[in-house]
């Protein structure tokens, strides 16, 4: 089962408490909540990342392109940059 499948399956468990989820899904749900909280309170964080699980594909593609550029810029060594 891929991690993407678990996110969708977790919503099917809505009537049950998080503690009743299978261990892997429970761990993923806990990690997701922690990451969401970090994004929520981190100044300058891209708040759109909080809703990636339900974002349309076009938005995912745009965010992927934007964050790819951010990653590329972060990898540039200022000492060797022109």
Protein backbone atom coordinates (compact mmCIF):
# COMPACT_ATOMS: atom_id res chain seq x y z
CA UNK A 1 0.00 0.00 0.00
CA UNK A 2 1.45 3.40 -0.91
CA UNK A 3 1.44 6.34 1.46
CA UNK A 4 -1.08 8.12 -0.78
CA UNK A 5 -3.52 5.22 -0.41
CA UNK A 6 -3.31 5.44 3.40
CA UNK A 7 -4.38 9.08 3.47
CA UNK A 8 -7.56 8.22 1.61
CA UNK A 9 -8.18 5.12 3.69
CA UNK A 10 -7.76 7.07 6.93
CA UNK A 11 -10.77 9.19 6.03
CA UNK A 12 -12.80 5.97 5.80
CA UNK A 13 -12.01 5.34 9.44
CA UNK A 14 -13.61 8.64 10.49
CA UNK A 15 -16.15 6.91 12.72
CA UNK A 16 -13.35 5.27 14.71
CA UNK A 17 -10.84 6.98 16.98
CA UNK A 18 -7.26 7.43 15.81
CA UNK A 19 -6.13 4.89 18.40
CA UNK A 20 -8.32 2.26 16.67
CA UNK A 21 -6.47 2.68 13.35
CA UNK A 22 -4.00 0.04 12.25
CA UNK A 23 -0.50 0.96 13.56
CA UNK A 24 0.93 2.20 10.24
CA UNK A 25 -2.09 4.40 9.51
CA UNK A 26 -2.08 5.70 13.08
CA UNK A 27 1.59 6.63 12.79
CA UNK A 28 0.99 8.37 9.45
CA UNK A 29 -1.97 10.30 10.87
CA UNK A 30 0.13 11.42 13.86
CA UNK A 31 3.05 12.49 11.67
CA UNK A 32 0.69 14.37 9.35
CA UNK A 33 -0.83 16.28 12.27
CA UNK A 34 2.65 17.21 13.52
CA UNK A 35 3.75 18.41 10.09
CA UNK A 36 0.54 20.39 9.65
CA UNK A 37 1.13 22.09 13.00
CA UNK A 38 4.71 23.00 12.05
CA UNK A 39 3.53 24.48 8.75
CA UNK A 40 0.73 26.34 10.49
CA UNK A 41 3.01 28.14 12.96
CA UNK A 42 6.22 28.53 10.93
CA UNK A 43 6.58 32.12 9.68
CA UNK A 44 6.87 32.23 5.91
CA UNK A 45 5.62 28.66 5.44
CA UNK A 46 3.52 28.02 2.35
CA UNK A 47 0.10 27.42 3.90
CA UNK A 48 -1.12 25.74 0.70
CA UNK A 49 0.98 22.74 1.73
CA UNK A 50 -1.49 22.02 4.53
CA UNK A 51 -4.08 20.91 1.99
CA UNK A 52 -2.02 18.94 -0.53
CA UNK A 53 -3.96 15.74 0.08
CA UNK A 54 -7.08 17.30 -1.43
CA UNK A 55 -5.51 19.74 -3.92
CA UNK A 56 -6.34 19.42 -7.61
CA UNK A 57 -3.58 18.00 -9.81
CA UNK A 58 -2.93 21.39 -11.44
CA UNK A 59 -2.18 22.90 -8.03
CA UNK A 60 0.12 19.99 -7.15
CA UNK A 61 1.99 20.49 -10.41
CA UNK A 62 2.37 24.24 -9.80
CA UNK A 63 3.59 23.70 -6.24
CA UNK A 64 6.00 21.01 -7.38
CA UNK A 65 7.47 23.37 -9.98
CA UNK A 66 7.71 26.24 -7.49
CA UNK A 67 9.31 24.13 -4.79
CA UNK A 68 11.67 22.55 -7.33
CA UNK A 69 12.93 26.05 -8.09
CA UNK A 70 13.30 26.78 -4.38
CA UNK A 71 15.27 23.55 -3.90
CA UNK A 72 17.50 24.34 -6.88
CA UNK A 73 18.20 27.84 -5.56
CA UNK A 74 19.04 26.44 -2.12
CA UNK A 75 21.59 24.09 -3.65
CA UNK A 76 23.50 26.90 -5.37
CA UNK A 77 26.77 27.54 -3.58
CA UNK A 78 27.07 31.34 -3.19
CA UNK A 79 30.86 31.06 -3.46
CA UNK A 80 30.65 29.54 -6.95
CA UNK A 81 27.58 31.43 -8.20
CA UNK A 82 28.15 34.03 -10.91
